[in-house]
N, C-alpha and C. Protein backbone atom coordinates (compact mmCIF):
# COMPACT_ATOMS: atom_id res chain seq x y z
N MET A 1 -22.17 -9.23 -11.31
CA MET A 1 -21.00 -7.90 -12.01
C MET A 1 -19.85 -8.23 -11.31
N ALA A 2 -18.88 -8.76 -12.47
CA ALA A 2 -17.67 -9.39 -11.93
C ALA A 2 -16.60 -8.22 -12.21
N LEU A 3 -15.74 -7.92 -11.34
CA LEU A 3 -14.81 -7.00 -11.29
C LEU A 3 -13.98 -7.09 -12.16
N ARG A 4 -13.20 -5.88 -12.95
CA ARG A 4 -12.25 -5.86 -13.95
C ARG A 4 -10.46 -6.17 -13.10
N ARG A 5 -9.98 -6.89 -13.53
CA ARG A 5 -8.67 -7.04 -12.89
C ARG A 5 -7.88 -6.01 -13.07
N ILE A 6 -7.14 -5.63 -12.00
CA ILE A 6 -6.02 -4.67 -12.30
C ILE A 6 -4.67 -4.91 -11.91
N SER A 7 -4.10 -3.97 -12.83
CA SER A 7 -2.80 -4.55 -13.02
C SER A 7 -1.72 -4.15 -11.36
N ALA A 8 -0.82 -4.61 -11.66
CA ALA A 8 -0.08 -4.22 -10.11
C ALA A 8 0.24 -2.62 -10.12
N GLN A 9 0.84 -2.18 -11.37
CA GLN A 9 0.56 -0.51 -11.57
C GLN A 9 -0.28 0.30 -10.81
N GLU A 10 -1.45 -0.34 -11.36
CA GLU A 10 -2.61 0.41 -11.01
C GLU A 10 -3.17 0.11 -9.71
N ALA A 11 -2.60 -0.87 -8.85
CA ALA A 11 -2.50 -1.37 -7.15
C ALA A 11 -1.44 0.18 -7.03
N VAL A 12 -0.66 -0.14 -7.56
CA VAL A 12 0.20 1.09 -6.79
C VAL A 12 0.21 2.29 -6.70
N ILE A 13 -0.76 2.46 -7.96
CA ILE A 13 -1.30 3.82 -7.81
C ILE A 13 -2.07 4.24 -7.17
N GLY A 14 -2.92 3.06 -6.66
CA GLY A 14 -4.18 3.19 -5.41
C GLY A 14 -3.56 3.31 -4.39
N LEU A 15 -2.70 2.71 -4.27
CA LEU A 15 -1.77 2.59 -2.95
C LEU A 15 -1.16 4.31 -2.33
N MET A 16 -0.64 4.93 -3.42
CA MET A 16 0.01 6.28 -3.71
C MET A 16 -1.63 7.30 -3.13
N SER A 17 -2.59 7.33 -3.70
CA SER A 17 -3.75 7.89 -3.47
C SER A 17 -4.07 7.63 -2.13
N PHE A 18 -4.74 6.23 -1.36
CA PHE A 18 -5.13 5.86 -0.24
C PHE A 18 -3.91 7.07 0.22
N ALA A 19 -2.48 6.95 0.51
CA ALA A 19 -1.80 7.46 1.03
C ALA A 19 -1.77 8.77 1.62
N PHE A 20 -2.17 9.68 0.00
CA PHE A 20 -2.21 10.75 -0.18
C PHE A 20 -3.31 11.28 0.82
N ILE A 21 -4.18 10.86 0.50
CA ILE A 21 -5.43 11.36 1.33
C ILE A 21 -5.52 10.82 2.82
N GLU A 22 -5.00 9.64 3.13
CA GLU A 22 -5.25 9.79 4.75
C GLU A 22 -4.05 10.57 5.02
N ILE A 23 -3.08 10.64 4.64
CA ILE A 23 -2.17 11.14 5.60
C ILE A 23 -2.58 12.70 5.99
N ARG A 24 -2.81 13.36 4.53
CA ARG A 24 -3.44 14.69 4.55
C ARG A 24 -4.87 14.46 5.60
N THR A 25 -5.58 13.96 5.91
CA THR A 25 -6.55 14.09 6.88
C THR A 25 -5.98 13.66 8.41
N MET A 26 -4.94 12.58 8.52
CA MET A 26 -4.38 12.52 9.57
C MET A 26 -3.32 13.64 10.11
N GLY A 27 -3.11 14.58 9.30
CA GLY A 27 -2.24 15.79 9.61
C GLY A 27 -3.17 17.05 10.27
N TYR A 28 -4.23 16.94 9.96
CA TYR A 28 -4.78 17.96 10.48
C TYR A 28 -5.76 17.12 11.94
N ARG A 29 -5.21 16.00 12.20
CA ARG A 29 -5.88 15.42 13.61
C ARG A 29 -5.13 15.67 14.93
N ARG A 30 -5.65 15.78 15.98
CA ARG A 30 -4.47 15.78 17.03
C ARG A 30 -5.78 14.37 18.60
N GLY A 31 -4.49 14.00 18.64
CA GLY A 31 -4.41 13.20 19.66
C GLY A 31 -4.59 11.58 19.06
N PRO A 32 -4.80 10.55 20.08
CA PRO A 32 -4.77 9.24 19.61
C PRO A 32 -5.22 8.78 18.22
N THR A 33 -5.31 7.85 18.06
CA THR A 33 -5.60 7.38 16.67
C THR A 33 -6.93 6.19 17.55
N LEU A 34 -7.86 6.18 16.07
CA LEU A 34 -8.78 5.10 16.29
C LEU A 34 -8.75 3.71 16.81
N GLN A 35 -7.26 3.67 16.55
CA GLN A 35 -6.58 2.26 16.01
C GLN A 35 -7.09 1.41 15.28
N GLU A 36 -6.84 1.56 13.96
CA GLU A 36 -7.69 0.58 12.72
C GLU A 36 -6.57 -0.76 13.02
N TRP A 37 -5.55 -0.61 13.40
CA TRP A 37 -4.71 -1.53 13.04
C TRP A 37 -4.44 -2.29 14.08
N PRO A 38 -4.65 -3.40 15.23
CA PRO A 38 -4.66 -3.66 16.36
C PRO A 38 -3.36 -3.50 17.30
N ASP A 39 -2.52 -3.85 16.61
CA ASP A 39 -0.77 -3.86 17.02
C ASP A 39 -0.11 -2.71 15.62
N GLY A 40 -1.04 -1.79 15.52
CA GLY A 40 -0.21 -0.60 14.51
C GLY A 40 -0.06 0.70 15.43
N PRO A 41 0.43 1.49 14.83
CA PRO A 41 0.74 2.80 15.90
C PRO A 41 -0.33 3.70 16.40
N GLU A 42 0.31 4.00 17.77
CA GLU A 42 -0.64 4.73 18.40
C GLU A 42 -1.43 6.04 18.22
N ASP A 43 -0.36 6.63 17.22
CA ASP A 43 -1.03 8.13 17.39
C ASP A 43 -0.78 8.20 15.68
N TYR A 44 -1.43 9.79 15.41
CA TYR A 44 -1.14 10.02 13.93
C TYR A 44 0.04 10.20 13.22
N HIS A 45 0.49 11.16 14.24
CA HIS A 45 2.43 11.04 13.54
C HIS A 45 2.64 9.90 13.17
N GLU A 46 2.72 8.82 13.80
CA GLU A 46 3.65 7.37 13.71
C GLU A 46 2.81 6.50 12.41
N GLN A 47 1.37 7.04 12.41
CA GLN A 47 0.65 6.34 11.09
C GLN A 47 1.12 6.82 10.15
N ILE A 48 1.29 8.30 10.22
CA ILE A 48 1.61 8.73 8.68
C ILE A 48 2.80 8.11 8.48
N ARG A 49 3.99 8.40 9.41
CA ARG A 49 5.25 7.86 9.09
C ARG A 49 5.52 6.60 8.48
N MET A 50 4.41 5.71 9.43
CA MET A 50 4.51 4.27 8.64
C MET A 50 4.11 4.29 7.32
N ILE A 51 3.11 5.18 6.72
CA ILE A 51 2.30 5.24 5.40
C ILE A 51 3.48 5.91 4.57
N ALA A 52 3.71 6.97 5.01
CA ALA A 52 4.89 8.01 3.99
C ALA A 52 6.30 6.53 4.26
N ASP A 53 6.89 5.84 4.67
CA ASP A 53 7.47 4.74 4.39
C ASP A 53 7.02 3.65 3.54
N ILE A 54 5.89 3.57 3.65
CA ILE A 54 5.63 2.62 2.83
C ILE A 54 5.74 2.95 1.54
N CYS A 55 5.42 4.03 1.11
CA CYS A 55 4.98 4.90 -0.28
C CYS A 55 6.01 5.35 -0.96
N HIS A 56 6.82 5.32 -0.29
CA HIS A 56 8.70 6.28 -0.42
C HIS A 56 9.10 6.53 -1.94
N ASN A 57 9.39 4.80 -2.30
CA ASN A 57 9.77 4.55 -3.74
C ASN A 57 8.46 3.84 -4.49
N LEU A 58 7.33 4.19 -4.19
CA LEU A 58 6.54 3.69 -4.91
C LEU A 58 6.14 4.61 -6.71
N PRO A 59 6.59 5.79 -6.72
CA PRO A 59 6.62 6.48 -7.76
C PRO A 59 7.67 6.23 -8.66
N GLY A 60 8.84 5.91 -8.04
CA GLY A 60 10.21 5.31 -9.19
C GLY A 60 9.78 4.26 -9.99
N ASP A 61 8.59 3.74 -9.21
CA ASP A 61 8.33 2.05 -9.69
C ASP A 61 8.05 2.32 -11.35
N LEU A 62 6.77 3.58 -11.07
CA LEU A 62 6.39 4.25 -12.63
C LEU A 62 6.86 4.94 -13.46
N ARG A 63 7.99 5.05 -13.78
CA ARG A 63 9.03 6.13 -14.51
C ARG A 63 8.96 5.16 -15.76
N PRO A 64 9.47 6.12 -16.47
CA PRO A 64 9.35 5.61 -18.28
C PRO A 64 10.29 4.21 -18.36
N GLY A 65 10.08 3.77 -19.56
CA GLY A 65 10.44 2.64 -19.43
C GLY A 65 8.85 0.94 -20.00
N SER A 66 9.57 0.35 -20.06
CA SER A 66 8.47 -0.62 -20.99
C SER A 66 7.23 -1.28 -20.00
N LYS A 67 6.25 -1.70 -20.66
CA LYS A 67 5.22 -1.85 -19.87
C LYS A 67 5.51 -2.77 -18.60
N ARG A 68 6.03 -3.73 -19.58
CA ARG A 68 6.29 -5.14 -18.82
C ARG A 68 7.49 -4.81 -17.70
N ARG A 69 8.28 -4.21 -17.97
CA ARG A 69 9.70 -3.89 -17.14
C ARG A 69 8.68 -2.67 -15.72
N ARG A 70 7.58 -1.92 -15.70
CA ARG A 70 7.35 -1.35 -15.10
C ARG A 70 5.88 -2.43 -14.12
N GLU A 71 5.72 -3.57 -14.88
CA GLU A 71 4.66 -4.41 -14.49
C GLU A 71 5.37 -4.98 -13.06
N ARG A 72 7.05 -5.63 -13.43
CA ARG A 72 6.91 -6.33 -12.81
C ARG A 72 7.69 -5.92 -11.67
N LYS A 73 8.03 -4.59 -11.83
CA LYS A 73 8.56 -3.68 -10.70
C LYS A 73 7.86 -3.42 -9.79
N ALA A 74 6.46 -3.45 -9.86
CA ALA A 74 5.32 -3.08 -9.09
C ALA A 74 5.20 -4.21 -8.30
N ILE A 75 5.01 -5.56 -9.30
CA ILE A 75 4.84 -6.61 -8.70
C ILE A 75 5.89 -7.26 -7.13
N GLU A 76 6.97 -6.87 -8.02
CA GLU A 76 8.32 -7.25 -6.62
C GLU A 76 8.08 -5.99 -5.56
N ARG A 77 7.68 -4.51 -5.53
CA ARG A 77 7.52 -3.75 -4.56
C ARG A 77 5.62 -4.60 -3.94
N LEU A 78 5.27 -4.52 -4.32
CA LEU A 78 3.89 -5.68 -3.56
C LEU A 78 4.47 -6.56 -2.81
N ARG A 79 5.20 -7.39 -2.85
CA ARG A 79 5.27 -8.64 -2.84
C ARG A 79 6.41 -8.03 -1.55
N PHE A 80 7.41 -7.19 -1.44
CA PHE A 80 8.47 -6.53 -0.44
C PHE A 80 7.32 -6.44 0.73
N PHE A 81 6.17 -5.81 0.78
CA PHE A 81 5.37 -5.20 1.17
C PHE A 81 4.47 -6.12 1.98
N LEU A 82 3.84 -7.05 1.25
CA LEU A 82 3.37 -7.74 1.82
C LEU A 82 4.08 -9.22 2.54
N ARG A 83 5.57 -9.56 2.87
CA ARG A 83 6.19 -10.02 3.13
C ARG A 83 5.83 -10.25 4.79
N GLY A 84 5.21 -9.13 5.62
CA GLY A 84 5.13 -9.74 7.05
C GLY A 84 3.88 -9.72 7.13
N SER A 85 3.02 -11.30 7.40
CA SER A 85 1.76 -10.79 7.53
C SER A 85 1.10 -10.53 8.77
N ASN A 86 1.91 -10.17 10.13
CA ASN A 86 1.30 -9.16 10.94
C ASN A 86 1.59 -8.19 11.17
N ASP A 87 2.84 -7.41 10.47
CA ASP A 87 3.22 -6.26 10.35
C ASP A 87 2.06 -5.04 10.18
N PRO A 88 1.85 -4.30 10.59
CA PRO A 88 1.09 -2.84 10.50
C PRO A 88 1.16 -2.50 8.94
N ALA A 89 1.96 -2.16 8.68
CA ALA A 89 2.60 -1.78 7.44
C ALA A 89 2.22 -2.91 6.17
N ALA A 90 2.14 -4.21 6.27
CA ALA A 90 1.53 -5.08 5.57
C ALA A 90 0.15 -5.07 5.68
N GLN A 91 -0.46 -4.94 6.98
CA GLN A 91 -1.81 -5.06 7.03
C GLN A 91 -2.49 -3.96 6.59
N TRP A 92 -1.58 -2.81 6.39
CA TRP A 92 -2.21 -0.96 6.00
C TRP A 92 -1.73 -1.60 4.55
N VAL A 93 -1.39 -2.40 3.72
CA VAL A 93 -1.06 -2.73 2.09
C VAL A 93 -2.67 -3.04 1.88
N ARG A 94 -2.61 -4.54 2.15
CA ARG A 94 -3.58 -5.54 2.22
C ARG A 94 -4.56 -5.28 2.19
N THR A 95 -5.31 -4.31 3.31
CA THR A 95 -6.63 -3.77 3.35
C THR A 95 -6.62 -2.58 2.05
N ARG A 96 -5.74 -2.07 1.73
CA ARG A 96 -6.37 -1.09 0.73
C ARG A 96 -6.28 -1.61 -0.50
N LEU A 97 -5.94 -2.60 -1.16
CA LEU A 97 -5.27 -3.52 -2.07
C LEU A 97 -7.18 -4.51 -2.06
N ASP A 98 -7.18 -4.71 -0.81
CA ASP A 98 -8.84 -5.37 -1.17
C ASP A 98 -9.67 -4.39 -1.57
N VAL A 99 -9.53 -3.18 -0.74
CA VAL A 99 -10.46 -2.01 -1.34
C VAL A 99 -10.37 -2.11 -2.70
N LEU A 100 -9.29 -2.16 -3.23
CA LEU A 100 -8.94 -1.85 -4.98
C LEU A 100 -9.35 -2.69 -5.47
N GLY A 101 -9.48 -4.22 -5.22
CA GLY A 101 -9.85 -5.29 -5.91
C GLY A 101 -8.80 -5.89 -6.47
N TYR A 102 -7.84 -5.67 -5.67
CA TYR A 102 -6.18 -6.32 -6.45
C TYR A 102 -6.16 -7.62 -5.67
N ASP A 103 -6.02 -8.95 -6.22
CA ASP A 103 -5.48 -10.01 -6.24
C ASP A 103 -4.20 -10.33 -5.77
N TYR A 104 -3.59 -10.36 -4.19
CA TYR A 104 -2.43 -10.21 -4.19
C TYR A 104 -1.92 -11.85 -3.76
N ARG A 105 -3.06 -12.35 -3.51
CA ARG A 105 -2.58 -14.09 -2.62
C ARG A 105 -1.59 -14.74 -3.70
N PRO A 106 -1.34 -14.43 -5.26
CA PRO A 106 -0.37 -15.00 -5.89
C PRO A 106 1.17 -14.50 -5.29
N LEU A 107 1.09 -13.82 -4.73
CA LEU A 107 2.21 -12.80 -4.61
C LEU A 107 2.69 -13.41 -3.10
N LEU A 108 1.95 -14.03 -2.43
CA LEU A 108 1.94 -14.46 -1.00
C LEU A 108 2.92 -15.52 -1.48
N GLY A 109 3.09 -16.36 -2.47
CA GLY A 109 3.36 -17.77 -2.24
C GLY A 109 4.75 -17.91 -3.28
N SER A 110 5.10 -16.67 -3.83
CA SER A 110 6.19 -16.62 -3.93
C SER A 110 7.14 -15.66 -3.67
N LYS A 111 8.24 -16.74 -3.61
CA LYS A 111 9.91 -15.40 -3.28
C LYS A 111 10.80 -14.95 -4.10
């Protein structure tokens, strides 16, 4: 069965959903993390801050307007996050987009 292609807007909404769940989960934990990312933040509070920084402006990209404009803004935001290949924030975005089934490869070659 083929996966349904999702829009950049749906990918942004998915990232926000992952962020809410992960931040809430980490907010209850204490001590060192399980080191999900080899070069990522070492404690939960740093991971929470990183995820919050990533998602801070995402809701604004979905504000009322034309569907085409919202999609373009969502693509621009995703492209911005994916620019750092070894950056822990870019790794977080990539892994979540992979789970969502969003093909971000076209965004990597465009500047």
